[in-house]
Every structure is written in structure tokens, then in C-alpha cells.
Amino acid sequence: MNLLPLRETALSVARLKLTNFRSYASVDIAVRAAPVVLAGPNGAGKTNLLDAISLLSPGRGLRGARLSEHTRRGPSAMSEALWAVAATVTRAGESYEIGTGLVSAQGSERRQVRLNGAAASSSADLGDVVQMLWLTPAMDRLFIESASGRRKFLDRLVLGFDAGHARAATRYETAMRERARLLKYGPRDPAWLDGLEAEMAEAGLAMAAARRETAARLNRALEERTGAFPQATLSLDNDDTEDDKTGDTLKERLARARIRDAEAGRTTVGPHLVDLAVRHTAKRADARECSTGEQKALLISIVLADARELARARGGLCPLLLLDEIAAHLDVVRRAALFDEIADLGTQAWMTGTDIAMFAPLKGRAQLFEVADSFPRPISE
């Protein structure tokens, strides 16, 4: 295959090895620094490969599954780990060896992360090496389901620009849980509650500011976009911290809401209630009112704009793209436009689909694999 090379600043997976991971007892794949297409029937194991790659970044991966859910059911390869993912990643000309997996020790299970042979303190360390964005079929309903899914989507976009966002969110959620426990079980010590609410206000203000900055940044990028994908406009609903410069207002509202929150059994004010609102700019319509195809096109437009902004912020280093069943609900024109933009970005995009014919415009620009019974076989051209 005569594949077009990625830019020298590109981020790519050169080798991926799985052990006891979901449907894979063992597999070892070597790929070039170019887009990758995984084609095959439903249940063949295509998404499991993307899921494994997603675990090379901080967090719980594209499925958001518990660690134990990745362990293969049935006969397994010989390994000390319950499951393991290992990869060679190239970044701006340098090579990194990354490994992660679930191990059992002294009756308990924990995730193990290694970087270049040394133990890493947590999966968060991976974020310094690997950045990625993903789209899955479950996200096709992002605009019509609960606000929690849209918040998670927004917060992952924020993380690309502000690594401290995860720490602020953890601080906020930890203080919020402790406050809820005190309100429910006591003692309702005012000084103790004051301290927790001050912590929530400080961390919450940082969360809200990072979200607003990311939304503004992406709106500027989306305004610059032209082509087959519609322009989206992002805004934040229920964001009542915009005029709160010091956190005092949120702290005061939390204090006033103590009795109400105790009765409700939840925290009724704060940035954990923010919702991401998306509009189809040209149609002046909310995304939830658009067709299924238009909703997917809006989502792709946001992710592509985010990828370009991240590359701009990192001197041309574009994140990996994991695009599961990406061709579904896209017409021929938009499929071709998506593939052209991936090529223009110079990113390694891993794409799955049931019909290899849908990826015909990528001929000569991508590596093609046929996946059957959890075995990926390269397709020669």
C-alpha cells in the first residue's frame, strides 16, 4: 500500500497488543502512521480494539465501563494480568511504550499503568503523552438524552485544553458528597459545612470558567468551518456562576440551600447541574430538534473543530480520533468530506464499520483490516 505519510508532529499508535481483553485472548497489531479502518460484522470485535486504545488515555475509556468488565470471559491467554493493553505510541518523532491493565494482588484488583517500563502514579499520567477524541454510536443520542451525558462530553473537551479541570472536578465532587453526607446524617456543624462549601465554590468556579472558555474557543473554531458539515453553536444552560468572580456567591447560595438540599437528598445548586446546549446555526434550531443524520453531522463538526483547536494549541500535534461506526447516518457527500478532513488534519483516525465499501474514498490513504471472530486481518489493495 502506498499510504500518504502523516505530519512529522503526528501522534499515532504503531503497535497494539491485547491480552485477555474482552473478546481477545491475545492479539498483536502493527500499523503505520496513517488512518486505520476496521471493517466487519457486528460482534466481530471492532469496537473492542477502539476501547483498548481509549484506555491509553486518562479515565475509563470510551465505554466508561468498570475495569473488571474488560476481562475476557472464557479461555484466556497465560498472563499475570486479568487483562492488559500495551502499545507503542509515536509522538512528534519520539516513541513511548505504554501499558495498562487490571491486576489482582492480595485479594483485591487494581489498575496498573506503566510508561516506558516504569510504573506511573495513575492513568492521569498518560494524558501527558496521548490525547484522543472519540465518537461512538451511543453518542448519536447525545442531544436528546440526559444532561449528564452532555456534561461528560463537554468536560472531556475541556480536558484537552485544561489538564487541571479533572482535579477541580474531583475536588468539587468530593466536597459535595461529604456535604450531602453531613446534611443527611449529621452532625450539621456550621463551621464544617462552611469549609466544604468554600471548597465547592472555589473548585466549582474553576470548573465553570474552564467550560465557558472551551465553549467560546470552540465557537470561534466552528465559525471558521466550511464544507459539508453544519456549523454548531455551543452555550451553557444553568450556568449561574458567570458573574461570580470570587466564589462567594456560590458559597452563599450553597449555605442558603442546606435545608432544601437535606430534604431533597441532593445538591440543588452548582456547576454539576450545567447542561451543554447545541444549536444548528444555519437552521436556528436546537440540535435535539434536528434529524438523526443532522445530529450526527453536528457532533462530527464539533469534534473536528476541537481536533483542529487542539492541534493549533499543541504546535500541530493532532489528537488520535476513535470513530466507531462513523459512516452510519452519513450520506455519500458527508462521508467523503469526513475522510478528506481526516487526511487534511494529518491525524491517525481509527474507524470502524460493517461495510468496507463505505470507506472506498480512503483507498490509498488508510490501512484496511477485516475483523472476524476477534481476528483483524490486513486487506491488501
Protein backbone atom coordinates (compact mmCIF):
# COMPACT_ATOMS: atom_id res chain seq x y z
CA MET A 1 0.00 0.00 0.00
CA ASN A 2 1.28 3.47 -0.86
CA LEU A 3 -0.02 5.39 2.13
CA LEU A 4 0.29 9.12 2.48
CA PRO A 5 2.55 9.89 5.49
CA LEU A 6 1.31 11.83 8.47
CA ARG A 7 2.96 15.06 9.51
CA GLU A 8 6.19 14.82 11.49
CA THR A 9 4.37 16.21 14.52
CA ALA A 10 1.72 13.47 14.37
CA LEU A 11 0.58 11.29 17.24
CA SER A 12 -0.04 7.67 16.31
CA VAL A 13 -0.24 4.11 17.60
CA ALA A 14 2.44 1.98 15.94
CA ARG A 15 1.69 -1.30 17.71
CA LEU A 16 -1.21 -2.54 19.82
CA LYS A 17 -1.15 -5.72 21.90
CA LEU A 18 -4.11 -7.06 23.90
CA THR A 19 -4.19 -9.90 26.42
CA ASN A 20 -7.40 -11.29 27.93
CA PHE A 21 -9.20 -8.12 26.85
CA ARG A 22 -12.94 -8.53 26.19
CA SER A 23 -13.27 -10.82 23.13
CA TYR A 24 -9.49 -11.05 22.61
CA ALA A 25 -7.44 -13.78 24.28
CA SER A 26 -4.37 -12.37 22.57
CA VAL A 27 -3.71 -10.14 19.58
CA ASP A 28 -0.77 -8.11 18.33
CA ILE A 29 -1.30 -5.49 15.59
CA ALA A 30 1.34 -3.36 13.90
CA VAL A 31 0.17 -0.35 11.88
CA ARG A 32 1.68 2.56 10.03
CA ALA A 33 1.21 6.20 10.96
CA ALA A 34 -1.92 6.59 8.84
CA PRO A 35 -5.70 6.23 9.31
CA VAL A 36 -6.91 2.71 10.11
CA VAL A 37 -10.22 1.14 9.02
CA LEU A 38 -11.62 -1.89 10.85
CA ALA A 39 -14.47 -3.49 8.89
CA GLY A 40 -16.57 -6.48 9.80
CA PRO A 41 -19.94 -7.71 11.04
CA ASN A 42 -21.49 -6.68 14.33
CA GLY A 43 -19.90 -8.53 17.24
CA ALA A 44 -16.64 -9.19 15.38
CA GLY A 45 -14.55 -7.28 17.94
CA LYS A 46 -14.00 -3.97 16.13
CA THR A 47 -15.18 -1.72 18.96
CA ASN A 48 -13.13 -3.71 21.47
CA LEU A 49 -9.97 -2.59 19.68
CA LEU A 50 -11.04 1.06 19.90
CA ASP A 51 -11.98 0.55 23.55
CA ALA A 52 -8.49 -0.79 24.25
CA ILE A 53 -6.85 2.22 22.60
CA SER A 54 -9.07 4.59 24.58
CA LEU A 55 -7.63 3.12 27.81
CA LEU A 56 -4.23 4.53 26.82
CA SER A 57 -5.62 7.91 27.89
CA PRO A 58 -6.82 9.04 31.34
CA GLY A 59 -10.21 7.86 32.53
CA ARG A 60 -12.38 4.81 31.97
CA GLY A 61 -12.30 4.71 28.19
CA LEU A 62 -14.92 5.23 25.53
CA ARG A 63 -17.35 2.75 27.10
CA GLY A 64 -16.99 4.21 30.60
CA ALA A 65 -17.02 0.63 31.87
CA ARG A 66 -15.80 -0.70 35.21
CA LEU A 67 -12.30 -2.12 35.00
CA SER A 68 -13.47 -5.67 35.68
CA GLU A 69 -15.85 -5.53 32.70
CA HIS A 70 -12.90 -5.57 30.30
CA THR A 71 -11.76 -9.03 31.45
CA ARG A 72 -12.30 -11.71 28.83
CA ARG A 73 -14.91 -14.34 29.53
CA GLY A 74 -13.85 -17.84 28.58
CA PRO A 75 -10.39 -19.35 27.95
CA SER A 76 -7.66 -16.76 28.42
CA ALA A 77 -4.04 -16.38 27.40
CA MET A 78 -1.41 -17.02 30.05
CA SER A 79 -0.83 -13.72 31.83
CA GLU A 80 -0.30 -12.31 35.29
CA ALA A 81 -2.88 -9.62 34.49
CA LEU A 82 -6.64 -10.13 34.40
CA TRP A 83 -6.42 -8.05 31.22
CA ALA A 84 -3.70 -5.96 29.64
CA VAL A 85 -3.29 -3.39 26.88
CA ALA A 86 0.18 -2.49 25.63
CA ALA A 87 1.07 -0.07 22.87
CA THR A 88 3.95 1.63 21.16
CA VAL A 89 2.97 5.25 20.59
CA THR A 90 4.90 7.72 18.48
CA ARG A 91 4.61 11.41 19.23
CA ALA A 92 6.46 14.15 17.37
CA GLY A 93 9.13 11.69 16.31
CA GLU A 94 9.61 10.11 19.75
CA SER A 95 8.49 6.63 20.79
CA TYR A 96 6.71 5.69 24.03
CA GLU A 97 5.89 2.28 25.46
CA ILE A 98 2.57 2.37 27.32
CA GLY A 99 0.97 -0.45 29.26
CA THR A 100 -2.14 -0.65 31.37
CA GLY A 101 -4.18 -3.47 32.80
CA LEU A 102 -6.08 -4.94 35.71
CA VAL A 103 -4.05 -6.99 38.18
CA SER A 104 -5.04 -8.95 41.23
CA ALA A 105 -2.95 -8.72 44.37
CA GLN A 106 -3.73 -9.80 47.93
CA GLY A 107 -7.37 -10.39 47.16
CA SER A 108 -8.00 -7.00 45.54
CA GLU A 109 -7.98 -5.73 41.97
CA ARG A 110 -6.31 -2.54 40.81
CA ARG A 111 -5.35 -0.88 37.58
CA GLN A 112 -1.67 -0.85 36.75
CA VAL A 113 -0.15 1.79 34.44
CA ARG A 114 3.39 1.72 33.04
CA LEU A 115 5.17 4.27 30.88
CA ASN A 116 8.47 3.36 29.21
CA GLY A 117 8.90 0.44 31.61
CA ALA A 118 8.38 2.44 34.79
CA ALA A 119 5.29 2.44 36.97
CA ALA A 120 3.13 5.55 36.56
CA SER A 121 1.32 7.03 39.52
CA SER A 122 -2.07 6.91 37.79
CA SER A 123 -3.78 6.84 34.41
CA ALA A 124 -3.74 10.65 34.53
CA ASP A 125 -0.01 10.49 33.67
CA LEU A 126 -0.96 9.12 30.26
CA GLY A 127 -2.56 12.44 29.37
CA ASP A 128 0.89 13.98 29.01
CA VAL A 129 1.65 11.58 26.15
CA VAL A 130 -1.62 10.60 24.49
CA GLN A 131 -4.60 12.80 23.68
CA MET A 132 -7.61 11.42 21.87
CA LEU A 133 -11.19 12.15 20.93
CA TRP A 134 -13.87 9.61 20.18
CA LEU A 135 -17.36 9.21 18.80
CA THR A 136 -19.48 6.11 19.42
CA PRO A 137 -22.99 5.07 18.31
CA ALA A 138 -24.22 5.69 21.87
CA MET A 139 -23.29 9.35 21.42
CA ASP A 140 -25.68 9.66 18.46
CA ARG A 141 -28.39 10.27 21.08
CA LEU A 142 -26.33 12.81 22.99
CA PHE A 143 -28.63 15.73 22.22
CA ILE A 144 -31.89 14.01 23.14
CA GLU A 145 -30.95 12.14 26.30
CA SER A 146 -29.96 13.31 29.79
CA ALA A 147 -27.82 16.35 30.58
CA SER A 148 -25.24 14.17 32.38
CA GLY A 149 -24.03 12.70 29.08
CA ARG A 150 -23.61 16.16 27.57
CA ARG A 151 -21.68 17.32 30.65
CA LYS A 152 -19.31 14.37 30.33
CA PHE A 153 -18.84 15.14 26.65
CA LEU A 154 -18.15 18.82 27.42
CA ASP A 155 -15.76 18.01 30.26
CA ARG A 156 -13.72 15.72 28.03
CA LEU A 157 -13.41 18.56 25.52
CA VAL A 158 -12.33 20.88 28.35
CA LEU A 159 -9.65 18.43 29.49
CA GLY A 160 -7.89 18.78 26.17
CA PHE A 161 -7.18 22.44 26.91
CA ASP A 162 -7.06 22.43 30.71
CA ALA A 163 -5.45 19.42 32.39
CA GLY A 164 -6.39 20.86 35.80
CA HIS A 165 -10.08 20.54 35.02
CA ALA A 166 -10.18 16.93 36.20
CA ARG A 167 -8.59 17.85 39.53
CA ALA A 168 -11.06 20.70 40.05
CA ALA A 169 -13.96 18.37 39.26
CA THR A 170 -12.67 15.76 41.72
CA ARG A 171 -12.28 18.37 44.47
CA TYR A 172 -15.79 19.65 43.83
CA GLU A 173 -17.43 16.22 43.75
CA THR A 174 -15.58 15.02 46.86
CA ALA A 175 -16.65 18.07 48.87
CA MET A 176 -20.20 17.79 47.50
CA ARG A 177 -20.50 14.14 48.61
CA GLU A 178 -19.17 14.94 52.08
CA ARG A 179 -21.56 17.90 52.43
CA ALA A 180 -24.50 15.70 51.36
CA ARG A 181 -23.49 13.08 53.93
CA LEU A 182 -23.36 15.65 56.73
CA LEU A 183 -26.72 17.13 55.74
CA LYS A 184 -28.30 13.68 55.75
CA TYR A 185 -26.67 12.05 58.79
CA GLY A 186 -25.15 14.96 60.70
CA PRO A 187 -23.64 16.50 62.60
CA ARG A 188 -24.62 19.70 60.78
CA ASP A 189 -21.69 21.62 62.12
CA PRO A 190 -21.84 25.12 60.51
CA ALA A 191 -18.06 25.51 60.54
CA TRP A 192 -17.58 22.14 58.86
CA LEU A 193 -20.25 22.91 56.25
CA ASP A 194 -18.75 26.35 55.67
CA GLY A 195 -15.40 24.75 54.85
CA LEU A 196 -16.90 22.22 52.45
CA GLU A 197 -18.97 24.88 50.72
CA ALA A 198 -15.90 27.11 50.37
CA GLU A 199 -14.08 24.18 48.73
CA MET A 200 -17.04 23.56 46.40
CA ALA A 201 -17.21 27.24 45.47
CA GLU A 202 -13.50 27.52 44.68
CA ALA A 203 -13.34 24.31 42.64
CA GLY A 204 -16.74 24.91 41.06
CA LEU A 205 -15.75 28.37 39.89
CA ALA A 206 -12.65 26.95 38.21
CA MET A 207 -14.75 24.23 36.53
CA ALA A 208 -17.29 26.73 35.24
CA ALA A 209 -14.65 29.13 33.92
CA ALA A 210 -12.85 26.33 32.04
CA ARG A 211 -16.11 25.17 30.50
CA ARG A 212 -17.00 28.68 29.34
CA GLU A 213 -13.54 29.24 27.87
CA THR A 214 -13.69 25.94 25.97
CA ALA A 215 -17.18 26.67 24.63
CA ALA A 216 -16.05 30.13 23.47
CA ARG A 217 -12.92 28.69 21.88
CA LEU A 218 -14.86 26.03 20.01
CA ASN A 219 -17.47 28.55 18.86
CA ARG A 220 -14.70 30.61 17.28
CA ALA A 221 -13.34 27.48 15.58
CA LEU A 222 -16.81 26.44 14.43
CA GLU A 223 -17.41 29.85 12.88
CA GLU A 224 -14.33 29.30 10.71
CA ARG A 225 -15.56 25.94 9.43
CA THR A 226 -16.88 25.50 5.91
CA GLY A 227 -17.87 22.43 3.97
CA ALA A 228 -20.33 19.58 4.21
CA PHE A 229 -20.79 19.60 7.99
CA PRO A 230 -23.15 22.15 9.56
CA GLN A 231 -21.93 24.85 11.91
CA ALA A 232 -22.86 24.33 15.53
CA THR A 233 -23.15 26.95 18.25
CA LEU A 234 -22.42 25.94 21.84
CA SER A 235 -23.77 27.51 25.01
CA LEU A 236 -24.12 26.52 28.65
CA ASP A 237 -27.53 26.26 30.29
CA ASN A 238 -27.94 26.59 34.07
CA ASP A 239 -24.53 28.27 34.36
CA ASP A 240 -25.21 30.66 37.22
CA THR A 241 -21.56 31.31 38.12
CA GLU A 242 -20.62 33.60 35.22
CA ASP A 243 -20.85 36.78 37.31
CA ASP A 244 -19.32 35.12 40.38
CA LYS A 245 -15.66 36.21 40.31
CA THR A 246 -14.58 35.06 43.77
CA GLY A 247 -16.84 32.10 44.56
CA ASP A 248 -18.62 33.99 47.34
CA THR A 249 -21.99 33.96 45.55
CA LEU A 250 -21.96 30.19 45.04
CA LYS A 251 -20.82 29.68 48.61
CA GLU A 252 -23.68 31.84 49.88
CA ARG A 253 -26.24 30.02 47.74
CA LEU A 254 -24.99 26.66 48.99
CA ALA A 255 -25.33 27.86 52.58
CA ARG A 256 -28.89 29.06 51.96
CA ALA A 257 -29.79 25.75 50.31
CA ARG A 258 -28.76 23.49 53.21
CA ILE A 259 -32.26 22.70 54.44
CA ARG A 260 -33.61 22.30 50.91
CA ASP A 261 -30.72 20.03 49.94
CA ALA A 262 -31.15 17.93 53.08
CA GLU A 263 -34.82 17.39 52.28
CA ALA A 264 -34.14 16.71 48.58
CA GLY A 265 -31.19 14.39 49.27
CA ARG A 266 -29.11 16.12 46.59
CA THR A 267 -27.28 19.39 45.93
CA THR A 268 -29.65 21.72 44.12
CA VAL A 269 -27.22 24.46 43.07
CA GLY A 270 -23.79 24.41 41.47
CA PRO A 271 -21.90 23.64 38.25
CA HIS A 272 -22.77 19.94 38.41
CA LEU A 273 -26.18 20.97 37.03
CA VAL A 274 -24.86 22.73 33.91
CA ASP A 275 -26.09 21.47 30.56
CA LEU A 276 -24.40 21.82 27.16
CA ALA A 277 -26.80 23.35 24.64
CA VAL A 278 -26.06 22.96 20.91
CA ARG A 279 -27.82 24.74 18.04
CA HIS A 280 -27.73 24.19 14.31
CA THR A 281 -26.55 27.69 13.41
CA ALA A 282 -27.90 27.92 9.86
CA LYS A 283 -31.31 26.44 10.75
CA ARG A 284 -31.53 28.33 14.05
CA ALA A 285 -32.76 25.10 15.63
CA ASP A 286 -31.77 23.22 18.74
CA ALA A 287 -29.80 20.08 17.97
CA ARG A 288 -32.43 17.92 19.67
CA GLU A 289 -34.96 19.12 17.06
CA CYS A 290 -32.77 18.08 14.12
CA SER A 291 -32.88 14.77 12.27
CA THR A 292 -30.69 11.85 13.33
CA GLY A 293 -28.33 12.49 10.43
CA GLU A 294 -28.09 16.20 11.21
CA GLN A 295 -27.40 15.49 14.89
CA LYS A 296 -24.53 13.19 13.95
CA ALA A 297 -23.20 15.77 11.48
CA LEU A 298 -23.29 18.46 14.20
CA LEU A 299 -21.45 16.15 16.60
CA ILE A 300 -18.78 15.39 14.00
CA SER A 301 -18.44 19.11 13.26
CA ILE A 302 -17.77 19.81 16.96
CA VAL A 303 -15.19 17.01 17.27
CA LEU A 304 -13.35 18.06 14.10
CA ALA A 305 -13.29 21.69 15.27
CA ASP A 306 -11.96 20.52 18.64
CA ALA A 307 -9.26 18.42 16.95
CA ARG A 308 -8.10 21.44 14.93
CA GLU A 309 -8.04 23.67 18.01
CA LEU A 310 -6.06 21.11 19.99
CA ALA A 311 -3.57 20.79 17.14
CA ARG A 312 -3.28 24.58 16.99
CA ALA A 313 -2.65 24.74 20.73
CA ARG A 314 -0.01 21.98 20.57
CA GLY A 315 2.09 23.15 17.67
CA GLY A 316 0.36 20.92 15.12
CA LEU A 317 0.05 17.78 17.26
CA CYS A 318 -3.44 16.49 16.48
CA PRO A 319 -5.11 14.02 18.86
CA LEU A 320 -5.95 10.46 17.90
CA LEU A 321 -9.51 10.01 16.65
CA LEU A 322 -11.51 6.89 17.54
CA LEU A 323 -14.61 6.84 15.33
CA ASP A 324 -16.88 3.85 15.94
CA GLU A 325 -19.44 3.10 13.20
CA ILE A 326 -18.72 6.58 11.91
CA ALA A 327 -20.19 6.07 8.43
CA ALA A 328 -23.67 5.25 9.77
CA HIS A 329 -26.25 8.02 9.14
CA LEU A 330 -23.85 9.91 6.86
CA ASP A 331 -24.64 10.37 3.20
CA VAL A 332 -22.03 9.85 0.47
CA VAL A 333 -21.06 13.53 0.35
CA ARG A 334 -20.51 13.82 4.09
CA ARG A 335 -18.59 10.54 4.28
CA ALA A 336 -16.19 11.76 1.61
CA ALA A 337 -15.90 15.16 3.35
CA LEU A 338 -15.10 13.47 6.66
CA PHE A 339 -12.36 11.34 5.12
CA ASP A 340 -10.88 14.37 3.35
CA GLU A 341 -10.79 16.34 6.60
CA ILE A 342 -9.13 13.46 8.46
CA ALA A 343 -6.46 13.39 5.77
CA ASP A 344 -6.06 17.17 5.97
CA LEU A 345 -5.71 17.04 9.76
CA GLY A 346 -2.85 14.59 9.44
CA THR A 347 -4.21 12.52 12.30
CA GLN A 348 -4.35 8.78 12.85
CA ALA A 349 -8.06 8.04 12.94
CA TRP A 350 -9.23 4.53 13.83
CA MET A 351 -12.60 3.94 12.17
CA THR A 352 -15.00 1.01 12.28
CA GLY A 353 -17.87 -0.03 10.05
CA THR A 354 -19.77 -3.08 8.87
CA ASP A 355 -19.37 -2.35 5.15
CA ILE A 356 -15.88 -1.84 3.76
CA ALA A 357 -17.41 -0.24 0.64
CA MET A 358 -18.35 2.83 2.70
CA PHE A 359 -14.65 3.57 3.13
CA ALA A 360 -13.84 3.44 -0.60
CA PRO A 361 -12.80 7.15 -0.69
CA LEU A 362 -9.95 6.25 1.71
CA LYS A 363 -8.33 3.89 -0.78
CA GLY A 364 -4.60 4.59 -0.78
CA ARG A 365 -4.92 6.85 2.28
CA ALA A 366 -5.73 4.31 5.02
CA GLN A 367 -4.86 0.82 6.22
CA LEU A 368 -7.77 -1.57 5.88
CA PHE A 369 -8.44 -4.52 8.19
CA GLU A 370 -11.17 -7.11 8.02
CA VAL A 371 -12.21 -8.18 11.53
CA ALA A 372 -13.93 -11.52 12.07
CA ASP A 373 -14.21 -13.53 15.29
CA SER A 374 -11.86 -11.09 17.06
CA PHE A 375 -9.13 -11.51 14.49
CA PRO A 376 -8.05 -8.46 12.45
CA ARG A 377 -6.63 -9.39 9.05
CA PRO A 378 -4.98 -6.74 6.83
CA ILE A 379 -6.70 -6.25 3.47
CA SER A 380 -4.20 -5.84 0.65
CA GLU A 381 -5.03 -3.50 -2.20
